[in-house]
N, C-alpha and C. Protein backbone atom coordinates (compact mmCIF):
# COMPACT_ATOMS: atom_id res chain seq x y z
N MET A 1 -12.13 50.02 -37.91
CA MET A 1 -11.90 50.79 -36.70
C MET A 1 -10.45 51.67 -36.95
N SER A 2 -10.09 52.75 -36.80
CA SER A 2 -9.04 53.36 -36.81
C SER A 2 -8.55 53.65 -35.20
N THR A 3 -7.21 53.55 -35.37
CA THR A 3 -6.35 53.69 -33.85
C THR A 3 -5.89 55.51 -34.00
N LYS A 4 -6.13 56.14 -33.11
CA LYS A 4 -5.89 57.24 -32.69
C LYS A 4 -5.20 57.27 -31.35
N ILE A 5 -3.73 57.44 -31.23
CA ILE A 5 -3.06 57.51 -29.99
C ILE A 5 -2.09 59.17 -29.94
N TYR A 6 -2.91 59.91 -29.52
CA TYR A 6 -2.24 61.08 -29.38
C TYR A 6 -1.96 61.46 -27.83
N ASN A 7 -0.82 62.49 -27.65
CA ASN A 7 -0.56 62.86 -26.36
C ASN A 7 0.01 61.43 -25.74
N ALA A 8 0.80 60.72 -26.44
CA ALA A 8 1.72 59.35 -26.22
C ALA A 8 3.15 59.39 -26.42
N TYR A 9 3.80 58.86 -25.23
CA TYR A 9 5.22 59.29 -24.99
C TYR A 9 5.86 57.93 -24.73
N ARG A 10 7.26 57.92 -24.64
CA ARG A 10 7.77 56.49 -24.33
C ARG A 10 9.17 56.97 -23.55
N PHE A 11 9.77 56.11 -22.74
CA PHE A 11 11.08 56.43 -22.13
C PHE A 11 11.38 55.27 -21.68
N LYS A 12 12.63 55.04 -21.03
CA LYS A 12 13.52 54.33 -20.37
C LYS A 12 12.62 54.05 -18.73
N LYS A 13 12.44 52.78 -18.63
CA LYS A 13 11.50 52.20 -17.39
C LYS A 13 12.25 52.83 -16.07
N GLU A 14 13.71 52.95 -16.09
CA GLU A 14 14.26 53.54 -15.04
C GLU A 14 14.04 55.09 -14.64
N LYS A 15 13.59 55.67 -15.62
CA LYS A 15 13.21 57.06 -15.50
C LYS A 15 11.73 57.09 -15.04
N LEU A 16 10.92 56.35 -14.73
CA LEU A 16 9.40 56.37 -14.42
C LEU A 16 9.16 57.52 -13.18
N ASN A 17 10.17 57.26 -12.16
CA ASN A 17 9.78 58.11 -11.01
C ASN A 17 10.27 59.34 -11.37
N GLU A 18 11.20 59.83 -11.78
CA GLU A 18 11.56 60.97 -12.29
C GLU A 18 10.46 61.50 -13.59
N PHE A 19 9.90 60.98 -14.31
CA PHE A 19 8.61 61.37 -14.75
C PHE A 19 7.54 61.86 -14.17
N LEU A 20 7.49 60.83 -13.30
CA LEU A 20 6.10 61.30 -12.29
C LEU A 20 6.28 62.55 -11.62
N GLU A 21 7.51 63.04 -11.09
CA GLU A 21 7.94 63.94 -10.25
C GLU A 21 7.91 65.06 -11.15
N PHE A 22 8.32 64.95 -12.83
CA PHE A 22 7.95 66.05 -13.48
C PHE A 22 6.82 66.70 -13.91
N ILE A 23 5.99 65.20 -14.02
CA ILE A 23 4.31 65.71 -14.49
C ILE A 23 3.70 66.44 -13.50
N ASP A 24 3.88 66.03 -12.18
CA ASP A 24 3.39 66.59 -11.20
C ASP A 24 3.87 67.97 -10.95
N ASP A 25 5.15 68.27 -10.77
CA ASP A 25 5.56 69.37 -10.89
C ASP A 25 5.11 70.63 -11.76
N GLN A 26 4.95 69.88 -12.87
CA GLN A 26 4.37 70.82 -14.21
C GLN A 26 2.90 71.13 -14.18
N ILE A 27 2.35 70.00 -13.74
CA ILE A 27 0.55 69.98 -13.84
C ILE A 27 -0.04 70.53 -12.90
N LEU A 28 0.31 69.93 -12.08
CA LEU A 28 -0.42 69.97 -10.41
C LEU A 28 -0.42 71.66 -10.06
N SER A 29 0.53 71.99 -10.42
CA SER A 29 0.38 73.69 -10.02
C SER A 29 -0.25 74.35 -10.99
N SER A 30 -0.36 74.06 -12.30
CA SER A 30 -1.29 74.84 -13.10
C SER A 30 -2.69 74.49 -12.65
N ILE A 31 -3.03 73.04 -12.33
CA ILE A 31 -4.43 72.77 -11.83
C ILE A 31 -4.64 73.37 -10.52
N LEU A 32 -3.90 73.61 -9.72
CA LEU A 32 -4.12 74.60 -8.65
C LEU A 32 -4.42 75.71 -9.03
N GLU A 33 -3.91 76.27 -9.54
CA GLU A 33 -4.00 77.95 -10.03
C GLU A 33 -5.32 78.00 -10.88
N TYR A 34 -5.57 77.13 -11.71
CA TYR A 34 -6.99 77.19 -12.53
C TYR A 34 -8.14 77.19 -11.64
N GLY A 35 -8.14 76.21 -10.63
CA GLY A 35 -9.16 75.79 -9.51
C GLY A 35 -9.44 76.96 -8.51
N ASN A 36 -8.12 77.50 -8.43
CA ASN A 36 -8.43 78.61 -7.70
C ASN A 36 -9.08 80.07 -8.10
N LYS A 37 -8.89 80.04 -9.50
CA LYS A 37 -9.63 81.29 -10.53
C LYS A 37 -11.16 80.58 -10.73
N LEU A 38 -11.29 79.75 -10.80
CA LEU A 38 -13.07 78.93 -11.17
C LEU A 38 -13.32 79.43 -9.48
N PHE A 39 -12.70 79.33 -8.57
CA PHE A 39 -13.09 79.26 -7.11
C PHE A 39 -13.74 81.08 -6.86
N ASN A 40 -12.80 81.80 -7.36
CA ASN A 40 -12.82 83.13 -7.34
C ASN A 40 -13.87 83.50 -8.56
N ASN A 41 -13.95 83.04 -9.50
CA ASN A 41 -15.25 83.46 -10.41
C ASN A 41 -16.57 83.19 -10.25
N LEU A 42 -16.80 82.43 -8.86
CA LEU A 42 -18.22 82.09 -8.50
C LEU A 42 -19.01 83.28 -8.09
N THR A 43 -19.96 83.49 -8.65
CA THR A 43 -21.02 84.45 -8.43
C THR A 43 -21.57 84.26 -7.35
N GLU A 44 -21.98 85.32 -6.79
CA GLU A 44 -23.15 85.11 -5.53
C GLU A 44 -24.50 84.57 -5.56
N HIS A 45 -24.73 84.43 -6.89
CA HIS A 45 -26.08 84.08 -7.50
C HIS A 45 -25.42 82.43 -7.55
N ALA A 46 -24.50 82.16 -8.27
CA ALA A 46 -24.21 80.76 -8.17
C ALA A 46 -23.98 79.95 -7.05
N ILE A 47 -23.26 80.74 -6.14
CA ILE A 47 -23.14 80.25 -4.21
C ILE A 47 -24.21 80.05 -3.88
N GLN A 48 -25.38 80.80 -3.84
CA GLN A 48 -26.63 80.76 -3.29
C GLN A 48 -27.60 79.43 -3.82
N LYS A 49 -27.12 79.50 -5.06
CA LYS A 49 -28.07 78.25 -5.84
C LYS A 49 -27.54 76.93 -5.49
N ALA A 50 -26.26 76.96 -5.33
CA ALA A 50 -25.63 75.53 -4.87
C ALA A 50 -25.98 75.30 -3.38
N LEU A 51 -26.04 76.48 -2.50
CA LEU A 51 -26.49 76.25 -1.29
C LEU A 51 -27.71 75.94 -1.28
N GLU A 52 -28.60 76.36 -2.06
CA GLU A 52 -30.17 75.91 -2.01
C GLU A 52 -30.17 74.58 -2.10
N LYS A 53 -29.60 74.07 -3.54
CA LYS A 53 -29.54 72.47 -3.86
C LYS A 53 -28.91 71.81 -2.88
N LYS A 54 -28.26 72.17 -1.95
CA LYS A 54 -27.41 71.10 -1.31
C LYS A 54 -28.23 71.16 0.36
N GLY A 55 -29.25 72.02 0.24
CA GLY A 55 -30.09 72.20 1.24
C GLY A 55 -29.69 73.03 2.30
N MET A 56 -29.01 73.95 2.12
CA MET A 56 -28.28 75.11 2.96
C MET A 56 -28.74 76.05 2.66
N LYS A 57 -29.77 76.64 2.29
CA LYS A 57 -30.36 77.95 1.73
C LYS A 57 -30.60 78.53 3.20
N GLY A 58 -29.80 79.56 3.06
CA GLY A 58 -30.03 80.67 4.28
C GLY A 58 -28.94 80.29 5.35
N ALA A 59 -28.13 79.38 5.16
CA ALA A 59 -27.11 79.02 6.08
C ALA A 59 -26.04 80.10 6.55
N ASP A 60 -25.61 80.30 7.92
CA ASP A 60 -25.14 81.41 8.52
C ASP A 60 -23.57 80.98 8.88
N PHE A 61 -22.70 81.05 7.37
CA PHE A 61 -21.44 80.65 7.23
C PHE A 61 -20.55 81.96 6.81
N SER A 62 -19.10 81.92 7.14
CA SER A 62 -18.78 82.61 6.57
C SER A 62 -18.57 82.94 5.16
N ASP A 63 -18.57 83.95 4.40
CA ASP A 63 -18.55 83.79 2.86
C ASP A 63 -17.39 83.05 2.37
N LEU A 64 -16.22 82.88 2.87
CA LEU A 64 -15.25 81.89 2.47
C LEU A 64 -15.81 80.37 2.42
N PHE A 65 -16.64 80.11 3.85
CA PHE A 65 -16.74 78.69 3.74
C PHE A 65 -17.89 78.52 2.91
N MET A 66 -18.95 79.43 2.38
CA MET A 66 -20.21 79.09 1.78
C MET A 66 -19.42 79.17 0.39
N ARG A 67 -18.41 80.03 -0.05
CA ARG A 67 -18.09 79.74 -1.45
C ARG A 67 -17.26 78.53 -1.62
N GLU A 68 -16.46 78.03 -0.47
CA GLU A 68 -16.07 76.60 -0.44
C GLU A 68 -17.27 75.21 -0.79
N LEU A 69 -18.32 75.43 -0.04
CA LEU A 69 -19.28 74.27 -0.13
C LEU A 69 -19.92 74.51 -1.75
N ALA A 70 -20.05 75.79 -2.43
CA ALA A 70 -20.39 75.64 -3.44
C ALA A 70 -19.35 75.16 -4.56
N PHE A 71 -18.33 75.70 -4.11
CA PHE A 71 -16.98 75.08 -5.28
C PHE A 71 -17.03 73.53 -5.20
N GLU A 72 -17.19 72.93 -4.00
CA GLU A 72 -17.05 71.57 -4.01
C GLU A 72 -18.75 71.03 -4.67
N TYR A 73 -19.61 71.73 -4.51
CA TYR A 73 -20.91 71.33 -5.17
C TYR A 73 -20.67 71.19 -6.72
N TYR A 74 -20.07 72.22 -7.01
CA TYR A 74 -19.89 72.26 -8.50
C TYR A 74 -19.07 71.41 -9.09
N ILE A 75 -17.83 71.27 -8.45
CA ILE A 75 -17.06 70.34 -8.49
C ILE A 75 -18.05 68.91 -8.84
N ASP A 76 -18.73 68.42 -8.11
CA ASP A 76 -19.33 67.29 -8.09
C ASP A 76 -20.16 67.25 -9.20
N LYS A 77 -21.02 68.18 -9.43
CA LYS A 77 -22.02 68.40 -10.48
C LYS A 77 -21.33 68.16 -12.13
N ALA A 78 -20.50 68.91 -12.05
CA ALA A 78 -19.82 69.16 -13.30
C ALA A 78 -19.04 67.56 -13.81
N MET A 79 -18.48 66.98 -12.75
CA MET A 79 -18.00 66.02 -13.01
C MET A 79 -18.84 64.75 -13.24
N GLU A 80 -19.91 64.86 -12.76
CA GLU A 80 -21.04 63.91 -13.55
C GLU A 80 -21.48 64.15 -14.79
N SER A 81 -21.62 65.48 -14.97
CA SER A 81 -21.80 65.90 -16.44
C SER A 81 -20.83 66.26 -17.50
N SER A 82 -19.70 66.39 -17.06
CA SER A 82 -18.45 66.50 -17.69
C SER A 82 -18.51 68.17 -18.27
N THR A 83 -19.04 68.97 -17.26
CA THR A 83 -18.87 70.59 -17.44
C THR A 83 -17.84 70.38 -17.75
N ARG A 84 -17.53 71.48 -18.83
CA ARG A 84 -16.41 72.18 -19.28
C ARG A 84 -14.95 72.52 -18.42
N ASP A 85 -15.34 73.67 -17.90
CA ASP A 85 -14.46 74.38 -16.72
C ASP A 85 -14.17 73.16 -15.43
N MET A 86 -14.81 72.83 -15.03
CA MET A 86 -14.46 71.90 -14.01
C MET A 86 -13.91 70.73 -14.35
N MET A 87 -13.91 70.14 -15.65
CA MET A 87 -13.41 68.81 -16.36
C MET A 87 -12.12 69.46 -16.21
N ASP A 88 -11.99 70.45 -16.87
CA ASP A 88 -10.29 71.09 -16.80
C ASP A 88 -9.30 70.60 -15.88
N LEU A 89 -10.28 70.31 -14.36
CA LEU A 89 -9.46 69.79 -13.55
C LEU A 89 -9.02 68.59 -13.58
N SER A 90 -9.34 67.87 -14.26
CA SER A 90 -8.89 66.42 -14.34
C SER A 90 -7.82 66.16 -15.19
N ALA A 91 -6.91 65.39 -14.50
CA ALA A 91 -5.43 64.63 -15.28
C ALA A 91 -5.20 63.67 -14.71
N SER A 92 -4.47 62.77 -15.39
CA SER A 92 -4.17 61.61 -15.34
C SER A 92 -3.04 61.05 -16.45
N TYR A 93 -2.32 59.99 -16.25
CA TYR A 93 -1.46 59.49 -17.27
C TYR A 93 -1.44 58.06 -17.15
N ASN A 94 -1.86 57.49 -17.94
CA ASN A 94 -1.53 55.76 -18.02
C ASN A 94 -0.19 55.49 -18.47
N PHE A 95 0.14 54.21 -17.89
CA PHE A 95 1.33 53.46 -18.32
C PHE A 95 1.52 52.16 -18.55
N TRP A 96 2.10 51.66 -19.67
CA TRP A 96 2.48 50.18 -19.89
C TRP A 96 3.94 50.27 -19.73
N ILE A 97 4.29 49.10 -19.07
CA ILE A 97 6.01 48.89 -19.25
C ILE A 97 6.20 47.58 -20.14
N ARG A 98 6.61 47.71 -21.16
CA ARG A 98 7.15 46.69 -21.94
C ARG A 98 8.32 46.48 -22.53
N GLY A 99 8.89 45.63 -22.03
CA GLY A 99 10.52 45.44 -22.26
C GLY A 99 11.46 46.57 -21.48
N ASP A 100 12.05 47.11 -21.82
CA ASP A 100 12.98 48.44 -21.30
C ASP A 100 12.58 49.87 -21.21
N TYR A 101 11.38 49.79 -21.92
CA TYR A 101 10.36 51.00 -22.07
C TYR A 101 9.30 51.17 -21.53
N VAL A 102 8.75 52.32 -20.73
CA VAL A 102 7.60 52.62 -20.59
C VAL A 102 6.77 53.54 -21.47
N TYR A 103 5.32 53.07 -21.87
CA TYR A 103 4.55 53.95 -22.67
C TYR A 103 3.52 54.36 -22.07
N THR A 104 3.13 55.82 -22.54
CA THR A 104 2.30 56.68 -21.71
C THR A 104 1.51 57.68 -22.48
N VAL A 105 0.29 57.34 -21.95
CA VAL A 105 -0.85 58.38 -22.53
C VAL A 105 -1.36 59.48 -21.65
N ALA A 106 -1.15 60.62 -22.08
CA ALA A 106 -1.63 61.68 -21.28
C ALA A 106 -3.09 61.87 -21.21
N TYR A 107 -3.84 61.94 -20.29
CA TYR A 107 -5.04 62.26 -20.32
C TYR A 107 -5.43 63.75 -19.49
N VAL A 108 -4.90 64.67 -20.16
CA VAL A 108 -4.87 66.14 -19.60
C VAL A 108 -5.27 67.02 -20.67
N GLU A 109 -5.92 67.90 -20.48
CA GLU A 109 -6.28 69.20 -21.07
C GLU A 109 -5.13 69.81 -21.74
N ASN A 110 -5.25 70.04 -23.08
CA ASN A 110 -4.12 70.45 -23.82
C ASN A 110 -3.39 71.70 -23.32
N TRP A 111 -4.19 72.64 -22.75
CA TRP A 111 -3.91 73.97 -21.77
C TRP A 111 -2.68 73.53 -20.63
N LEU A 112 -2.99 72.25 -20.17
CA LEU A 112 -2.18 72.32 -18.90
C LEU A 112 -0.63 71.77 -19.32
N TYR A 113 -0.75 71.73 -20.60
CA TYR A 113 1.00 71.14 -20.85
C TYR A 113 1.55 71.80 -21.99
N GLU A 114 0.61 72.56 -22.60
CA GLU A 114 0.93 72.85 -24.31
C GLU A 114 2.49 73.81 -23.98
N ASP A 115 2.64 74.26 -22.94
CA ASP A 115 3.58 75.54 -22.81
C ASP A 115 5.14 74.68 -22.18
N PHE A 116 5.19 73.67 -21.76
CA PHE A 116 6.04 73.12 -21.28
C PHE A 116 6.72 71.89 -22.08
N ASP A 117 8.15 71.63 -21.78
CA ASP A 117 8.97 70.89 -22.94
C ASP A 117 9.51 69.29 -22.01
N TYR A 118 8.93 68.10 -22.73
CA TYR A 118 9.42 67.30 -21.79
C TYR A 118 10.82 67.25 -21.64
N PRO A 119 11.29 66.44 -21.06
CA PRO A 119 12.92 66.04 -20.76
C PRO A 119 13.24 65.26 -22.13
N ASP A 120 14.64 65.57 -22.33
CA ASP A 120 15.09 65.09 -23.46
C ASP A 120 14.88 63.59 -23.72
N TRP A 121 14.97 62.87 -22.28
CA TRP A 121 14.91 61.52 -22.58
C TRP A 121 13.37 60.84 -22.80
N VAL A 122 12.42 61.69 -22.98
CA VAL A 122 11.06 61.53 -23.40
C VAL A 122 10.98 61.67 -24.69
N GLU A 123 10.50 60.73 -25.59
CA GLU A 123 10.21 60.46 -26.62
C GLU A 123 8.61 60.91 -26.92
N ASP A 124 8.23 61.37 -28.15
CA ASP A 124 6.83 61.47 -28.72
C ASP A 124 6.75 59.89 -29.12
N PHE A 125 5.35 59.38 -28.94
CA PHE A 125 5.20 58.06 -29.14
C PHE A 125 3.84 58.18 -29.85
N ASN A 126 3.13 59.08 -30.44
CA ASN A 126 2.06 59.19 -31.05
C ASN A 126 2.00 58.12 -32.13
N TYR A 127 0.49 57.69 -32.30
CA TYR A 127 0.56 57.06 -33.47
C TYR A 127 -1.09 57.12 -33.82
N TRP A 128 -1.34 57.00 -35.44
CA TRP A 128 -2.58 57.01 -35.62
C TRP A 128 -2.46 56.44 -37.10
N ASP A 129 -3.79 55.67 -37.68
CA ASP A 129 -3.86 54.95 -38.88
C ASP A 129 -4.77 55.62 -39.85
N ASN A 130 -5.43 56.66 -39.24
CA ASN A 130 -6.21 57.49 -40.25
C ASN A 130 -5.74 58.53 -41.28
N THR A 131 -4.55 58.76 -41.17
CA THR A 131 -3.97 59.60 -42.34
C THR A 131 -2.49 59.60 -41.94
N ASP A 132 -1.90 60.15 -43.22
CA ASP A 132 -0.10 59.62 -43.31
C ASP A 132 0.38 59.97 -41.67
N LYS A 133 1.47 59.32 -41.85
CA LYS A 133 2.52 59.36 -40.64
C LYS A 133 3.22 60.85 -40.64
N PRO A 134 3.83 61.23 -39.45
CA PRO A 134 4.52 62.50 -39.87
C PRO A 134 5.94 62.07 -40.69
N GLU A 135 6.14 63.38 -41.11
CA GLU A 135 7.20 63.07 -42.14
C GLU A 135 8.53 62.89 -41.37
N ASP A 136 8.87 63.38 -39.93
CA ASP A 136 9.85 63.09 -39.43
C ASP A 136 10.11 61.66 -38.82
N VAL A 137 9.20 60.60 -38.93
CA VAL A 137 9.07 59.38 -38.65
C VAL A 137 9.35 58.36 -39.79
N SER A 138 10.10 57.37 -39.88
CA SER A 138 10.23 56.38 -40.62
C SER A 138 9.38 55.31 -40.80
N GLN A 139 9.06 54.89 -41.83
CA GLN A 139 8.19 53.78 -41.81
C GLN A 139 8.44 52.56 -41.11
N LYS A 140 9.79 52.13 -40.88
CA LYS A 140 10.16 51.28 -39.79
C LYS A 140 9.58 51.39 -38.29
N GLU A 141 9.98 52.91 -38.15
CA GLU A 141 9.56 53.49 -36.71
C GLU A 141 7.89 53.48 -36.50
N TRP A 142 7.48 53.92 -37.70
CA TRP A 142 5.77 53.93 -37.74
C TRP A 142 5.27 52.42 -37.70
N ASP A 143 5.89 51.69 -37.76
CA ASP A 143 5.12 50.14 -37.71
C ASP A 143 5.41 49.45 -36.75
N PHE A 144 6.54 50.00 -36.28
CA PHE A 144 7.06 49.65 -34.84
C PHE A 144 5.78 50.43 -33.84
N ARG A 145 5.61 51.53 -33.82
CA ARG A 145 4.59 52.11 -33.15
C ARG A 145 3.15 51.36 -33.31
N GLU A 146 2.63 51.10 -34.07
CA GLU A 146 1.59 50.51 -34.71
C GLU A 146 1.52 49.26 -33.82
N GLU A 147 2.57 48.60 -33.79
CA GLU A 147 2.55 47.34 -33.27
C GLU A 147 2.45 47.32 -31.98
N VAL A 148 3.35 48.32 -31.10
CA VAL A 148 3.00 48.82 -29.46
C VAL A 148 1.71 49.08 -29.35
N TRP A 149 1.37 49.74 -30.22
CA TRP A 149 -0.17 50.39 -29.71
C TRP A 149 -1.12 49.38 -29.86
N GLU A 150 -1.02 48.58 -30.70
CA GLU A 150 -2.20 47.48 -31.01
C GLU A 150 -1.77 46.72 -29.87
N GLU A 151 -0.89 46.33 -29.47
CA GLU A 151 -0.76 45.35 -28.37
C GLU A 151 -1.15 45.69 -27.18
N ILE A 152 -0.99 46.94 -26.72
CA ILE A 152 -1.56 47.87 -25.76
C ILE A 152 -3.25 47.75 -25.83
N ASN A 153 -3.39 48.13 -26.87
CA ASN A 153 -4.96 48.63 -27.00
C ASN A 153 -5.86 47.21 -26.88
N ASN A 154 -5.13 46.19 -27.49
CA ASN A 154 -5.78 45.15 -27.18
C ASN A 154 -5.94 44.47 -25.93
N ASN A 155 -5.05 44.81 -25.13
CA ASN A 155 -4.72 44.56 -23.40
C ASN A 155 -4.95 45.69 -22.64
N TRP A 156 -5.72 46.75 -22.82
CA TRP A 156 -5.78 47.93 -22.09
C TRP A 156 -5.55 47.74 -20.65
N ASP A 157 -5.95 47.15 -20.00
CA ASP A 157 -5.92 46.89 -18.51
C ASP A 157 -5.14 46.08 -17.77
N LYS A 158 -4.39 45.34 -19.13
CA LYS A 158 -3.69 44.16 -18.44
C LYS A 158 -2.11 44.92 -18.07
N GLY A 159 -1.63 44.96 -17.02
CA GLY A 159 -0.36 45.56 -16.53
C GLY A 159 -0.38 47.11 -16.79
N ARG A 160 -1.48 47.75 -16.74
CA ARG A 160 -1.59 49.25 -17.12
C ARG A 160 -1.38 49.82 -15.42
N LEU A 161 -0.43 50.89 -15.43
CA LEU A 161 -0.57 51.76 -14.26
C LEU A 161 -1.17 53.05 -14.63
N VAL A 162 -1.98 53.50 -13.33
CA VAL A 162 -2.44 54.75 -13.65
C VAL A 162 -1.78 55.92 -12.55
N HIS A 163 -1.34 57.03 -12.95
CA HIS A 163 -1.05 58.01 -11.96
C HIS A 163 -1.95 58.95 -12.13
N PHE A 164 -2.76 59.17 -11.03
CA PHE A 164 -3.75 60.60 -11.03
C PHE A 164 -3.33 61.87 -10.34
N ILE A 165 -3.03 62.82 -11.13
CA ILE A 165 -2.41 64.12 -10.77
C ILE A 165 -3.93 64.70 -10.20
N MET A 166 -5.10 64.75 -10.75
CA MET A 166 -6.35 65.35 -10.18
C MET A 166 -7.32 64.58 -10.91
N THR A 167 -8.49 63.99 -10.09
CA THR A 167 -9.44 63.10 -11.20
C THR A 167 -10.68 63.95 -10.52
N GLU A 168 -11.61 63.14 -11.55
CA GLU A 168 -13.08 63.66 -11.36
C GLU A 168 -13.68 62.82 -10.11
N ASP A 169 -13.15 62.19 -9.69
CA ASP A 169 -13.59 60.92 -8.34
C ASP A 169 -12.91 62.10 -7.10
N GLY A 170 -12.27 63.13 -6.92
CA GLY A 170 -12.10 63.71 -5.91
C GLY A 170 -10.59 63.71 -5.60
N HIS A 171 -9.58 62.46 -6.29
CA HIS A 171 -8.18 62.56 -6.35
C HIS A 171 -7.64 63.69 -5.92
N ARG A 172 -6.99 64.26 -4.74
CA ARG A 172 -6.24 65.08 -4.56
C ARG A 172 -7.28 66.60 -4.46
N ARG A 173 -8.49 66.33 -4.19
CA ARG A 173 -9.26 67.47 -4.07
C ARG A 173 -8.84 68.19 -2.43
N PHE A 174 -8.59 67.62 -1.58
CA PHE A 174 -8.29 68.22 -0.25
C PHE A 174 -7.20 69.09 -0.55
N GLU A 175 -6.18 68.39 -1.20
CA GLU A 175 -5.10 69.47 -1.62
C GLU A 175 -5.33 70.68 -2.66
N LEU A 176 -6.37 70.62 -3.45
CA LEU A 176 -7.01 71.73 -4.14
C LEU A 176 -7.57 72.51 -3.07
N MET A 177 -8.53 72.25 -2.11
CA MET A 177 -9.36 72.68 -1.41
C MET A 177 -8.30 73.38 -0.68
N ASN A 178 -7.21 72.82 0.09
CA ASN A 178 -6.05 73.65 1.05
C ASN A 178 -5.51 74.65 0.26
N TYR A 179 -5.05 74.55 -0.96
CA TYR A 179 -4.60 75.76 -1.63
C TYR A 179 -5.33 76.67 -1.78
N ILE A 180 -6.63 76.61 -2.13
CA ILE A 180 -7.67 77.46 -2.58
C ILE A 180 -7.62 78.56 -1.15
N ARG A 181 -7.74 77.69 0.04
CA ARG A 181 -7.86 78.07 1.51
C ARG A 181 -6.99 79.18 1.85
N ASP A 182 -5.72 78.61 1.49
CA ASP A 182 -4.50 79.18 1.87
C ASP A 182 -4.64 80.63 0.95
N LYS A 183 -4.94 80.51 -0.23
CA LYS A 183 -4.92 81.82 -1.22
C LYS A 183 -5.72 82.58 -1.11
N ASN A 184 -6.98 82.06 -0.30
CA ASN A 184 -8.12 83.03 -0.35
C ASN A 184 -8.28 83.65 1.34
N SER A 185 -7.24 83.13 2.22
CA SER A 185 -7.77 83.38 3.45
C SER A 185 -6.92 84.71 3.69
């Protein structure tokens, strides 16, 4: 079995809170904007179909409220089926503290963070064993990464911390819906 750990980083453990603030500031605002875009792209047909599925066909609500109900319906359905657009709203980071360092893996769509730079104190800490190592990483460093990720993979849930920026189970959904209401009222 091969090991592939992409979107992995490490930093000194005293920087954990600063890192959390950084990723929230960078990623949450992008997710909120993306959610607003999806919300505004709902067609009238899609809204009516969602209301029918919710047993609310012919309901007499404001256009904004009906769109909100439909949007939440599509978030729920998409998260159940991993529908692409709505799953792009999901983002989290896993963390493991080992010695003086925090090791983290991002579970974020690439478009959410491809344009931002991590602070200088955050190191790339990717590892894979299915192809050659990057040329700019020494063999000693690569072997160390292998040891770290092997230990973490073998004890995945032991000592794992998770920071949810937005999740498929609705974490921060109220924040998203309030943002959408504010933008569209």
